[in-house]
C-alpha atoms as a PDB file:
ATOM      1  CA  MET A   1     -37.626 -33.628 -20.670  1.00  0.00           C
ATOM      2  CA  LYS A   2     -38.434 -30.344 -22.349  1.00  0.00           C
ATOM      3  CA  GLY A   3     -37.333 -28.413 -19.215  1.00  0.00           C
ATOM      4  CA  LYS A   4     -34.130 -30.357 -19.054  1.00  0.00           C
ATOM      5  CA  ARG A   5     -33.385 -29.305 -22.721  1.00  0.00           C
ATOM      6  CA  GLN A   6     -34.165 -25.868 -22.130  1.00  0.00           C
ATOM      7  CA  LEU A   7     -31.624 -25.712 -19.097  1.00  0.00           C
ATOM      8  CA  THR A   8     -29.150 -27.485 -21.137  1.00  0.00           C
ATOM      9  CA  ALA A   9     -29.749 -24.691 -23.960  1.00  0.00           C
ATOM     10  CA  VAL A  10     -29.451 -22.050 -21.434  1.00  0.00           C
ATOM     11  CA  SER A  11     -26.468 -23.365 -20.014  1.00  0.00           C
ATOM     12  CA  GLY A  12     -24.823 -23.759 -23.145  1.00  0.00           C
ATOM     13  CA  ASN A  13     -25.461 -20.211 -24.207  1.00  0.00           C
ATOM     14  CA  HIS A  14     -24.022 -18.948 -20.733  1.00  0.00           C
ATOM     15  CA  LEU A  15     -20.948 -20.891 -21.284  1.00  0.00           C
ATOM     16  CA  LYS A  16     -20.515 -19.747 -24.770  1.00  0.00           C
ATOM     17  CA  ASN A  17     -21.240 -16.069 -23.737  1.00  0.00           C
ATOM     18  CA  LYS A  18     -18.861 -16.463 -20.722  1.00  0.00           C
ATOM     19  CA  SER A  19     -16.081 -18.000 -23.060  1.00  0.00           C
ATOM     20  CA  LEU A  20     -16.616 -15.019 -25.631  1.00  0.00           C
ATOM     21  CA  GLY A  21     -16.271 -12.427 -22.743  1.00  0.00           C
ATOM     22  CA  LYS A  22     -13.256 -14.372 -21.517  1.00  0.00           C
ATOM     23  CA  ARG A  23     -11.691 -14.482 -24.747  1.00  0.00           C
ATOM     24  CA  ILE A  24     -12.343 -10.627 -25.240  1.00  0.00           C
ATOM     25  CA  TRP A  25     -10.776  -9.792 -21.908  1.00  0.00           C
ATOM     26  CA  GLN A  26      -7.891 -12.026 -22.512  1.00  0.00           C
ATOM     27  CA  ASN A  27      -7.118 -10.181 -25.834  1.00  0.00           C
ATOM     28  CA  TRP A  28      -8.249  -6.833 -24.830  1.00  0.00           C
ATOM     29  CA  GLU A  29      -5.242  -5.198 -26.473  1.00  0.00           C
ATOM     30  CA  LEU A  30      -6.105  -6.682 -29.840  1.00  0.00           C
ATOM     31  CA  TYR A  31      -9.830  -5.413 -29.705  1.00  0.00           C
ATOM     32  CA  LEU A  32      -8.672  -2.044 -28.274  1.00  0.00           C
ATOM     33  CA  PHE A  33      -6.359  -1.837 -31.399  1.00  0.00           C
ATOM     34  CA  MET A  34      -9.144  -2.843 -33.707  1.00  0.00           C
ATOM     35  CA  ALA A  35     -11.561  -0.225 -32.105  1.00  0.00           C
ATOM     36  CA  PRO A  36     -10.559   2.774 -34.215  1.00  0.00           C
ATOM     37  CA  ALA A  37     -11.101   1.140 -37.544  1.00  0.00           C
ATOM     38  CA  LEU A  38     -14.402  -0.341 -36.346  1.00  0.00           C
ATOM     39  CA  LEU A  39     -15.608   3.066 -35.371  1.00  0.00           C
ATOM     40  CA  TYR A  40     -14.549   4.570 -38.549  1.00  0.00           C
ATOM     41  CA  PHE A  41     -16.500   2.196 -40.575  1.00  0.00           C
ATOM     42  CA  LEU A  42     -19.436   2.376 -38.314  1.00  0.00           C
ATOM     43  CA  VAL A  43     -19.455   6.225 -38.042  1.00  0.00           C
ATOM     44  CA  PHE A  44     -18.476   7.087 -41.841  1.00  0.00           C
ATOM     45  CA  HIS A  45     -19.721   4.104 -43.781  1.00  0.00           C
ATOM     46  CA  TYR A  46     -22.503   2.262 -42.064  1.00  0.00           C
ATOM     47  CA  GLY A  47     -24.077   5.400 -40.002  1.00  0.00           C
ATOM     48  CA  PRO A  48     -24.779   7.337 -43.207  1.00  0.00           C
ATOM     49  CA  MET A  49     -26.421   4.460 -44.768  1.00  0.00           C
ATOM     50  CA  TYR A  50     -29.722   5.734 -42.701  1.00  0.00           C
ATOM     51  CA  GLY A  51     -29.858   8.580 -45.180  1.00  0.00           C
ATOM     52  CA  ILE A  52     -30.199   6.346 -48.348  1.00  0.00           C
ATOM     53  CA  GLN A  53     -33.960   6.534 -47.613  1.00  0.00           C
ATOM     54  CA  ILE A  54     -34.203  10.145 -49.089  1.00  0.00           C
ATOM     55  CA  ALA A  55     -33.546   8.658 -52.359  1.00  0.00           C
ATOM     56  CA  PHE A  56     -37.387   7.363 -52.109  1.00  0.00           C
ATOM     57  CA  LYS A  57     -38.547  10.755 -50.755  1.00  0.00           C
ATOM     58  CA  ASN A  58     -38.946  14.295 -51.625  1.00  0.00           C
ATOM     59  CA  PHE A  59     -36.550  15.495 -49.150  1.00  0.00           C
ATOM     60  CA  ILE A  60     -37.203  18.911 -47.507  1.00  0.00           C
ATOM     61  CA  PRO A  61     -34.524  19.959 -45.153  1.00  0.00           C
ATOM     62  CA  SER A  62     -36.988  21.879 -43.061  1.00  0.00           C
ATOM     63  CA  LYS A  63     -38.810  18.698 -42.291  1.00  0.00           C
ATOM     64  CA  GLY A  64     -35.853  16.408 -42.114  1.00  0.00           C
ATOM     65  CA  ILE A  65     -35.488  12.785 -43.274  1.00  0.00           C
ATOM     66  CA  THR A  66     -38.372  11.364 -41.326  1.00  0.00           C
ATOM     67  CA  GLY A  67     -40.761  14.207 -42.090  1.00  0.00           C
ATOM     68  CA  SER A  68     -40.294  14.606 -45.779  1.00  0.00           C
ATOM     69  CA  PRO A  69     -42.921  12.619 -47.981  1.00  0.00           C
ATOM     70  CA  TRP A  70     -42.256   9.357 -49.662  1.00  0.00           C
ATOM     71  CA  VAL A  71     -42.368   9.420 -53.492  1.00  0.00           C
ATOM     72  CA  GLY A  72     -41.226   5.855 -54.298  1.00  0.00           C
ATOM     73  CA  PHE A  73     -39.251   5.346 -57.449  1.00  0.00           C
ATOM     74  CA  GLU A  74     -39.991   8.732 -58.827  1.00  0.00           C
ATOM     75  CA  HIS A  75     -36.427   9.992 -58.713  1.00  0.00           C
ATOM     76  CA  PHE A  76     -35.072   6.701 -60.274  1.00  0.00           C
ATOM     77  CA  GLU A  77     -37.553   6.896 -63.250  1.00  0.00           C
ATOM     78  CA  ARG A  78     -36.707  10.672 -63.877  1.00  0.00           C
ATOM     79  CA  PHE A  79     -33.078   9.654 -64.091  1.00  0.00           C
ATOM     80  CA  PHE A  80     -33.653   6.611 -66.227  1.00  0.00           C
ATOM     81  CA  ASN A  81     -36.042   8.562 -68.686  1.00  0.00           C
ATOM     82  CA  SER A  82     -33.813  11.594 -68.950  1.00  0.00           C
ATOM     83  CA  TYR A  83     -31.898  12.200 -72.280  1.00  0.00           C
ATOM     84  CA  TYR A  84     -28.393  12.249 -70.636  1.00  0.00           C
ATOM     85  CA  PHE A  85     -28.769   8.805 -68.901  1.00  0.00           C
ATOM     86  CA  TRP A  86     -27.134   6.756 -71.722  1.00  0.00           C
ATOM     87  CA  ASP A  87     -24.606   9.588 -72.250  1.00  0.00           C
ATOM     88  CA  LEU A  88     -23.493   9.446 -68.480  1.00  0.00           C
ATOM     89  CA  LEU A  89     -23.484   5.578 -68.378  1.00  0.00           C
ATOM     90  CA  TRP A  90     -21.423   5.232 -71.572  1.00  0.00           C
ATOM     91  CA  ASN A  91     -18.857   7.847 -70.368  1.00  0.00           C
ATOM     92  CA  THR A  92     -18.765   6.075 -66.904  1.00  0.00           C
ATOM     93  CA  PHE A  93     -18.343   2.551 -68.386  1.00  0.00           C
ATOM     94  CA  SER A  94     -16.022   3.600 -71.206  1.00  0.00           C
ATOM     95  CA  ILE A  95     -13.533   5.491 -69.025  1.00  0.00           C
ATOM     96  CA  SER A  96     -13.467   2.785 -66.325  1.00  0.00           C
ATOM     97  CA  PHE A  97     -12.926  -0.294 -68.706  1.00  0.00           C
ATOM     98  CA  TYR A  98     -10.424   1.873 -70.601  1.00  0.00           C
ATOM     99  CA  GLU A  99      -8.699   2.498 -67.471  1.00  0.00           C
ATOM    100  CA  LEU A 100      -8.975  -1.096 -66.350  1.00  0.00           C
ATOM    101  CA  ALA A 101      -7.520  -2.346 -69.719  1.00  0.00           C
ATOM    102  CA  ILE A 102      -4.682   0.062 -69.645  1.00  0.00           C
ATOM    103  CA  GLY A 103      -3.855   0.230 -66.058  1.00  0.00           C
ATOM    104  CA  PHE A 104      -4.767  -3.416 -64.698  1.00  0.00           C
ATOM    105  CA  PRO A 105      -2.000  -5.404 -66.432  1.00  0.00           C
ATOM    106  CA  LEU A 106       0.876  -2.718 -66.324  1.00  0.00           C
ATOM    107  CA  PRO A 107       1.431  -3.239 -62.396  1.00  0.00           C
ATOM    108  CA  ILE A 108       1.690  -6.984 -63.183  1.00  0.00           C
ATOM    109  CA  ILE A 109       4.183  -6.623 -65.855  1.00  0.00           C
ATOM    110  CA  LEU A 110       6.259  -4.029 -63.764  1.00  0.00           C
ATOM    111  CA  ALA A 111       6.391  -6.262 -60.839  1.00  0.00           C
ATOM    112  CA  LEU A 112       7.466  -9.196 -62.666  1.00  0.00           C
ATOM    113  CA  ALA A 113      10.308  -6.965 -64.455  1.00  0.00           C
ATOM    114  CA  PHE A 114      11.367  -5.595 -60.977  1.00  0.00           C
ATOM    115  CA  ASN A 115      11.668  -8.910 -59.720  1.00  0.00           C
ATOM    116  CA  GLU A 116      14.151 -10.079 -62.375  1.00  0.00           C
ATOM    117  CA  VAL A 117      16.501  -7.042 -61.580  1.00  0.00           C
ATOM    118  CA  ARG A 118      19.317  -8.126 -59.618  1.00  0.00           C
ATOM    119  CA  ASN A 119      21.277  -4.820 -59.388  1.00  0.00           C
ATOM    120  CA  GLY A 120      20.087  -3.383 -55.873  1.00  0.00           C
ATOM    121  CA  PRO A 121      20.812   0.266 -56.311  1.00  0.00           C
ATOM    122  CA  PHE A 122      19.335   0.541 -59.691  1.00  0.00           C
ATOM    123  CA  LYS A 123      16.142  -1.460 -58.602  1.00  0.00           C
ATOM    124  CA  LYS A 124      15.730   0.800 -55.631  1.00  0.00           C
ATOM    125  CA  THR A 125      16.061   3.840 -57.791  1.00  0.00           C
ATOM    126  CA  VAL A 126      13.541   2.793 -60.592  1.00  0.00           C
ATOM    127  CA  GLN A 127      11.095   1.583 -57.832  1.00  0.00           C
ATOM    128  CA  THR A 128      11.347   4.925 -56.104  1.00  0.00           C
ATOM    129  CA  VAL A 129      10.740   6.884 -59.364  1.00  0.00           C
ATOM    130  CA  THR A 130       7.623   4.808 -60.055  1.00  0.00           C
ATOM    131  CA  TYR A 131       6.344   4.979 -56.802  1.00  0.00           C
ATOM    132  CA  ALA A 132       6.575   8.858 -56.286  1.00  0.00           C
ATOM    133  CA  PRO A 133       3.811   9.990 -58.385  1.00  0.00           C
ATOM    134  CA  HIS A 134       1.187   8.024 -56.083  1.00  0.00           C
ATOM    135  CA  PHE A 135       2.084  10.607 -53.299  1.00  0.00           C
ATOM    136  CA  ILE A 136       1.078  13.579 -55.681  1.00  0.00           C
ATOM    137  CA  SER A 137      -2.320  14.894 -54.673  1.00  0.00           C
ATOM    138  CA  VAL A 138      -5.255  14.862 -57.112  1.00  0.00           C
ATOM    139  CA  VAL A 139      -5.234  18.689 -57.307  1.00  0.00           C
ATOM    140  CA  VAL A 140      -1.545  18.935 -57.887  1.00  0.00           C
ATOM    141  CA  MET A 141      -1.737  16.347 -60.605  1.00  0.00           C
ATOM    142  CA  ALA A 142      -4.600  17.997 -62.485  1.00  0.00           C
ATOM    143  CA  GLY A 143      -2.686  21.419 -62.238  1.00  0.00           C
ATOM    144  CA  MET A 144       0.439  19.518 -63.879  1.00  0.00           C
ATOM    145  CA  ILE A 145      -1.638  17.944 -66.436  1.00  0.00           C
ATOM    146  CA  ILE A 146      -3.103  21.520 -67.491  1.00  0.00           C
ATOM    147  CA  THR A 147       0.596  22.765 -67.350  1.00  0.00           C
ATOM    148  CA  PHE A 148       2.023  20.310 -69.560  1.00  0.00           C
ATOM    149  CA  LEU A 149      -0.858  20.185 -71.912  1.00  0.00           C
ATOM    150  CA  SER A 150      -1.586  23.863 -72.380  1.00  0.00           C
ATOM    151  CA  PRO A 151      -1.797  25.046 -75.982  1.00  0.00           C
ATOM    152  CA  SER A 152       0.197  28.241 -75.400  1.00  0.00           C
ATOM    153  CA  THR A 153       3.034  27.119 -72.778  1.00  0.00           C
ATOM    154  CA  GLY A 154       2.544  23.270 -72.368  1.00  0.00           C
ATOM    155  CA  MET A 155       5.787  21.424 -72.318  1.00  0.00           C
ATOM    156  CA  ILE A 156       4.570  18.315 -74.219  1.00  0.00           C
ATOM    157  CA  VAL A 157       2.680  20.608 -76.786  1.00  0.00           C
ATOM    158  CA  ARG A 158       5.864  22.429 -77.323  1.00  0.00           C
ATOM    159  CA  PHE A 159       7.849  19.100 -77.757  1.00  0.00           C
ATOM    160  CA  ILE A 160       5.267  17.871 -80.419  1.00  0.00           C
ATOM    161  CA  GLU A 161       5.660  21.217 -82.132  1.00  0.00           C
ATOM    162  CA  LEU A 162       9.515  20.613 -82.266  1.00  0.00           C
ATOM    163  CA  LEU A 163       9.179  17.451 -83.922  1.00  0.00           C
ATOM    164  CA  GLY A 164       7.326  19.176 -86.890  1.00  0.00           C
ATOM    165  CA  MET A 165       3.983  17.873 -85.831  1.00  0.00           C
ATOM    166  CA  GLU A 166       0.515  19.589 -85.219  1.00  0.00           C
ATOM    167  CA  PRO A 167      -0.359  19.025 -81.236  1.00  0.00           C
ATOM    168  CA  ALA A 168      -4.009  18.036 -80.620  1.00  0.00           C
ATOM    169  CA  ALA A 169      -6.424  20.024 -78.456  1.00  0.00           C
ATOM    170  CA  PHE A 170      -5.661  17.555 -75.434  1.00  0.00           C
ATOM    171  CA  LEU A 171      -7.511  19.686 -72.655  1.00  0.00           C
ATOM    172  CA  THR A 172     -10.585  20.682 -75.087  1.00  0.00           C
ATOM    173  CA  ASP A 173     -11.072  17.950 -77.543  1.00  0.00           C
ATOM    174  CA  PRO A 174     -13.517  15.230 -76.202  1.00  0.00           C
ATOM    175  CA  ALA A 175     -11.868  12.612 -78.351  1.00  0.00           C
ATOM    176  CA  TRP A 176      -8.640  13.260 -76.175  1.00  0.00           C
ATOM    177  CA  PHE A 177     -10.124  13.419 -72.593  1.00  0.00           C
ATOM    178  CA  LYS A 178     -10.422   9.831 -71.893  1.00  0.00           C
ATOM    179  CA  THR A 179      -6.827   9.076 -73.140  1.00  0.00           C
ATOM    180  CA  VAL A 180      -5.505  12.150 -70.962  1.00  0.00           C
ATOM    181  CA  TYR A 181      -7.343  10.987 -67.948  1.00  0.00           C
ATOM    182  CA  VAL A 182      -6.293   7.227 -68.196  1.00  0.00           C
ATOM    183  CA  LEU A 183      -2.725   7.641 -69.116  1.00  0.00           C
ATOM    184  CA  SER A 184      -2.144  10.373 -66.478  1.00  0.00           C
ATOM    185  CA  GLY A 185      -3.721   7.909 -63.922  1.00  0.00           C
ATOM    186  CA  VAL A 186      -1.582   4.884 -64.964  1.00  0.00           C
ATOM    187  CA  TRP A 187       1.469   7.099 -64.510  1.00  0.00           C
ATOM    188  CA  GLN A 188       0.506   7.829 -61.101  1.00  0.00           C
ATOM    189  CA  SER A 189      -0.594   4.525 -59.837  1.00  0.00           C
ATOM    190  CA  THR A 190       1.257   1.994 -61.770  1.00  0.00           C
ATOM    191  CA  GLY A 191       4.254   2.016 -59.492  1.00  0.00           C
ATOM    192  CA  TRP A 192       2.351   1.751 -56.352  1.00  0.00           C
ATOM    193  CA  GLY A 193       0.371  -1.005 -57.679  1.00  0.00           C
ATOM    194  CA  THR A 194       3.258  -3.274 -58.168  1.00  0.00           C
ATOM    195  CA  ILE A 195       3.704  -3.557 -54.305  1.00  0.00           C
ATOM    196  CA  ILE A 196       1.022  -6.113 -53.726  1.00  0.00           C
ATOM    197  CA  TYR A 197       2.274  -8.360 -56.749  1.00  0.00           C
ATOM    198  CA  LEU A 198       5.871  -7.998 -55.453  1.00  0.00           C
ATOM    199  CA  ALA A 199       4.675  -9.137 -52.140  1.00  0.00           C
ATOM    200  CA  ALA A 200       3.046 -12.143 -53.738  1.00  0.00           C
ATOM    201  CA  LEU A 201       6.349 -12.788 -55.775  1.00  0.00           C
ATOM    202  CA  SER A 202       8.365 -13.168 -52.533  1.00  0.00           C
ATOM    203  CA  GLY A 203       6.459 -16.230 -51.641  1.00  0.00           C
ATOM    204  CA  VAL A 204       7.966 -18.083 -54.867  1.00  0.00           C
ATOM    205  CA  ASP A 205       9.757 -21.005 -53.690  1.00  0.00           C
ATOM    206  CA  PRO A 206      13.587 -20.725 -54.676  1.00  0.00           C
ATOM    207  CA  GLN A 207      13.754 -24.423 -55.444  1.00  0.00           C
ATOM    208  CA  LEU A 208      11.514 -24.268 -58.171  1.00  0.00           C
ATOM    209  CA  HIS A 209      13.831 -21.835 -60.073  1.00  0.00           C
ATOM    210  CA  GLU A 210      16.734 -24.084 -59.296  1.00  0.00           C
ATOM    211  CA  ALA A 211      15.191 -27.063 -60.664  1.00  0.00           C
ATOM    212  CA  ALA A 212      14.051 -25.108 -63.835  1.00  0.00           C
ATOM    213  CA  ILE A 213      17.578 -23.685 -64.256  1.00  0.00           C
ATOM    214  CA  VAL A 214      18.924 -27.404 -63.994  1.00  0.00           C
ATOM    215  CA  ASP A 215      16.467 -28.347 -66.625  1.00  0.00           C
ATOM    216  CA  GLY A 216      17.614 -25.599 -68.952  1.00  0.00           C
ATOM    217  CA  ALA A 217      14.801 -23.119 -68.600  1.00  0.00           C
ATOM    218  CA  SER A 218      15.514 -19.675 -69.665  1.00  0.00           C
ATOM    219  CA  ARG A 219      14.811 -16.423 -67.320  1.00  0.00           C
ATOM    220  CA  PHE A 220      11.694 -15.650 -69.407  1.00  0.00           C
ATOM    221  CA  LYS A 221      10.291 -19.110 -69.278  1.00  0.00           C
ATOM    222  CA  ARG A 222      10.759 -19.189 -65.511  1.00  0.00           C
ATOM    223  CA  MET A 223       9.050 -16.044 -65.271  1.00  0.00           C
ATOM    224  CA  LEU A 224       6.074 -17.242 -67.340  1.00  0.00           C
ATOM    225  CA  HIS A 225       5.810 -20.595 -65.852  1.00  0.00           C
ATOM    226  CA  ILE A 226       6.627 -20.124 -62.254  1.00  0.00           C
ATOM    227  CA  ASN A 227       6.310 -16.450 -61.238  1.00  0.00           C
ATOM    228  CA  LEU A 228       3.184 -15.759 -63.255  1.00  0.00           C
ATOM    229  CA  PRO A 229       1.321 -18.711 -61.914  1.00  0.00           C
ATOM    230  CA  THR A 230       2.344 -17.733 -58.198  1.00  0.00           C
ATOM    231  CA  ILE A 231       0.438 -14.488 -58.506  1.00  0.00           C
ATOM    232  CA  VAL A 232      -2.573 -15.584 -60.362  1.00  0.00           C
ATOM    233  CA  PRO A 233      -4.662 -15.775 -57.082  1.00  0.00           C
ATOM    234  CA  THR A 234      -3.749 -12.327 -56.291  1.00  0.00           C
ATOM    235  CA  ILE A 235      -4.484 -11.203 -59.842  1.00  0.00           C
ATOM    236  CA  THR A 236      -7.827 -12.847 -59.619  1.00  0.00           C
ATOM    237  CA  ILE A 237      -8.710 -11.011 -56.491  1.00  0.00           C
ATOM    238  CA  MET A 238      -7.509  -7.645 -57.540  1.00  0.00           C
ATOM    239  CA  LEU A 239      -9.446  -7.949 -60.906  1.00  0.00           C
ATOM    240  CA  ILE A 240     -12.738  -8.786 -58.835  1.00  0.00           C
ATOM    241  CA  LEU A 241     -12.264  -5.756 -56.560  1.00  0.00           C
ATOM    242  CA  ASN A 242     -11.475  -3.458 -59.495  1.00  0.00           C
ATOM    243  CA  MET A 243     -14.655  -4.694 -61.362  1.00  0.00           C
ATOM    244  CA  GLY A 244     -16.682  -4.207 -58.300  1.00  0.00           C
ATOM    245  CA  ASN A 245     -15.559  -0.601 -58.253  1.00  0.00           C
ATOM    246  CA  ILE A 246     -16.182  -0.010 -62.164  1.00  0.00           C
ATOM    247  CA  LEU A 247     -18.786   2.743 -61.791  1.00  0.00           C
ATOM    248  CA  GLY A 248     -17.018   4.115 -58.585  1.00  0.00           C
ATOM    249  CA  LEU A 249     -14.952   6.478 -60.767  1.00  0.00           C
ATOM    250  CA  GLY A 250     -13.700   9.162 -58.727  1.00  0.00           C
ATOM    251  CA  PHE A 251     -14.833  12.688 -59.775  1.00  0.00           C
ATOM    252  CA  GLU A 252     -12.109  14.810 -58.291  1.00  0.00           C
ATOM    253  CA  LYS A 253      -9.687  14.632 -61.198  1.00  0.00           C
ATOM    254  CA  ILE A 254     -12.346  14.637 -63.858  1.00  0.00           C
ATOM    255  CA  LEU A 255     -14.070  17.716 -62.288  1.00  0.00           C
ATOM    256  CA  LEU A 256     -10.750  19.358 -62.327  1.00  0.00           C
ATOM    257  CA  LEU A 257     -10.031  18.580 -65.897  1.00  0.00           C
ATOM    258  CA  GLN A 258     -13.588  19.014 -67.074  1.00  0.00           C
ATOM    259  CA  ASN A 259     -14.801  22.120 -68.921  1.00  0.00           C
ATOM    260  CA  SER A 260     -17.593  23.060 -71.323  1.00  0.00           C
ATOM    261  CA  LEU A 261     -15.727  21.920 -74.481  1.00  0.00           C
ATOM    262  CA  ASN A 262     -15.014  18.431 -73.337  1.00  0.00           C
ATOM    263  CA  MET A 263     -18.173  17.970 -71.298  1.00  0.00           C
ATOM    264  CA  GLU A 264     -19.416  15.686 -74.059  1.00  0.00           C
ATOM    265  CA  ALA A 265     -16.800  12.869 -73.084  1.00  0.00           C
ATOM    266  CA  SER A 266     -16.079  14.019 -69.374  1.00  0.00           C
ATOM    267  CA  ASP A 267     -19.548  14.050 -67.945  1.00  0.00           C
ATOM    268  CA  VAL A 268     -19.834  10.792 -65.738  1.00  0.00           C
ATOM    269  CA  ILE A 269     -22.329   9.592 -63.007  1.00  0.00           C
ATOM    270  CA  SER A 270     -20.029  11.007 -60.134  1.00  0.00           C
ATOM    271  CA  THR A 271     -19.905  14.559 -61.555  1.00  0.00           C
ATOM    272  CA  TYR A 272     -23.419  14.561 -62.429  1.00  0.00           C
ATOM    273  CA  VAL A 273     -24.349  13.500 -58.759  1.00  0.00           C
ATOM    274  CA  TYR A 274     -21.931  16.351 -57.485  1.00  0.00           C
ATOM    275  CA  ARG A 275     -23.813  18.953 -59.642  1.00  0.00           C
ATOM    276  CA  ALA A 276     -27.190  17.624 -59.059  1.00  0.00           C
ATOM    277  CA  GLY A 277     -26.711  17.288 -55.090  1.00  0.00           C
ATOM    278  CA  LEU A 278     -24.421  20.005 -54.144  1.00  0.00           C
ATOM    279  CA  VAL A 279     -24.690  22.756 -56.766  1.00  0.00           C
ATOM    280  CA  ASN A 280     -28.396  22.504 -57.605  1.00  0.00           C
ATOM    281  CA  ALA A 281     -29.503  21.101 -54.228  1.00  0.00           C
ATOM    282  CA  GLN A 282     -31.468  18.246 -55.640  1.00  0.00           C
ATOM    283  CA  TYR A 283     -30.733  15.997 -52.655  1.00  0.00           C
ATOM    284  CA  SER A 284     -33.312  13.246 -53.220  1.00  0.00           C
ATOM    285  CA  PHE A 285     -32.475  12.989 -56.975  1.00  0.00           C
ATOM    286  CA  SER A 286     -28.757  12.903 -56.556  1.00  0.00           C
ATOM    287  CA  THR A 287     -28.867  10.384 -53.609  1.00  0.00           C
ATOM    288  CA  ALA A 288     -31.246   8.023 -56.084  1.00  0.00           C
ATOM    289  CA  VAL A 289     -28.461   8.418 -58.745  1.00  0.00           C
ATOM    290  CA  GLY A 290     -25.679   7.669 -56.525  1.00  0.00           C
ATOM    291  CA  LEU A 291     -27.704   4.543 -55.064  1.00  0.00           C
ATOM    292  CA  PHE A 292     -28.182   3.391 -58.629  1.00  0.00           C
ATOM    293  CA  ASN A 293     -24.481   3.442 -59.154  1.00  0.00           C
ATOM    294  CA  SER A 294     -23.581   1.664 -56.004  1.00  0.00           C
ATOM    295  CA  VAL A 295     -26.313  -1.102 -56.818  1.00  0.00           C
ATOM    296  CA  VAL A 296     -24.631  -1.642 -60.208  1.00  0.00           C
ATOM    297  CA  ASN A 297     -21.179  -1.947 -58.649  1.00  0.00           C
ATOM    298  CA  VAL A 298     -22.591  -4.741 -56.208  1.00  0.00           C
ATOM    299  CA  ILE A 299     -24.152  -6.597 -58.896  1.00  0.00           C
ATOM    300  CA  LEU A 300     -20.827  -6.507 -61.037  1.00  0.00           C
ATOM    301  CA  LEU A 301     -18.748  -7.466 -57.694  1.00  0.00           C
ATOM    302  CA  VAL A 302     -20.835 -10.471 -57.072  1.00  0.00           C
ATOM    303  CA  THR A 303     -21.193 -11.559 -60.631  1.00  0.00           C
ATOM    304  CA  VAL A 304     -17.436 -11.500 -61.284  1.00  0.00           C
ATOM    305  CA  ASN A 305     -16.897 -13.057 -58.038  1.00  0.00           C
ATOM    306  CA  LYS A 306     -19.180 -15.949 -59.140  1.00  0.00           C
ATOM    307  CA  ILE A 307     -17.604 -16.372 -62.396  1.00  0.00           C
ATOM    308  CA  ALA A 308     -14.072 -16.458 -60.792  1.00  0.00           C
ATOM    309  CA  LYS A 309     -15.306 -19.180 -58.275  1.00  0.00           C
ATOM    310  CA  ARG A 310     -16.594 -21.248 -60.981  1.00  0.00           C
ATOM    311  CA  THR A 311     -13.564 -20.966 -63.257  1.00  0.00           C
ATOM    312  CA  SER A 312     -10.978 -21.199 -60.548  1.00  0.00           C
ATOM    313  CA  GLU A 313     -10.439 -21.668 -56.885  1.00  0.00           C
ATOM    314  CA  ASN A 314      -9.842 -17.944 -56.301  1.00  0.00           C
ATOM    315  CA  SER A 315     -12.610 -15.886 -55.086  1.00  0.00           C
ATOM    316  CA  LEU A 316     -13.461 -13.267 -52.372  1.00  0.00           C
ATOM    317  CA  TRP A 317     -16.092 -15.659 -50.631  1.00  0.00           C
END
């Protein structure tokens, strides 16, 4: 009886494997189409995870990863006990939440406004103007910011002076750094962020609007009670993804706008990892700091996803 069960299990697995192989062969074009993306993630995302272990070692390049001695959590303790730990954490969190508070709702509002525009040429023109900054590279964007806010030749500084006001030191005052960074990011990304919400709004049933018009609902009420609830699931998913990347603050623009005078507000975890790892060659220590950054992001992602799942029917998993 036992042998019969084993034979049945083996036969079932054989049929299952054969069925899987047959399905792959029948849809080989689709798997071939997926291959570049899979290879990309395997080579550039999963493969490098092997190097995470140097966060727990005293990495010596001549000995390699496997030959370097283990030191456990020494690098993490060094980072947690350092005097700059709380400053880095505060700057990273404050810039990220500032950017989330200002930049997250604006694409939603803009998408709802675009959806209400009926003039085709005007709508396309405005969309093009708002989308265009997204295609400006980070280096060019930082150069534009420095040019516009330069104390001697800056266009915005000159305009403020023409109004009879004293312009602030936008590029050197730590109190202004976060605002300059966030508002420039909002200008660059808001128009592009509306694409997802406009796609979600295209799924609104026109019959709902027709029924609301018959009932005497105004355009604003229809937008508030029909359009907005339709994109709530999309808003929830985007919020979860944004919260999961709250400490993944890109360092390129910050590094380009950073100087010795605004370092108090501009030094974040990612720029510190860059200095420690690439400039000072502290590979193990910088890996430990980067790993801490990633772990916090994962914890936030899981937590926000669980909260969203309990409070609504929308979640990533």
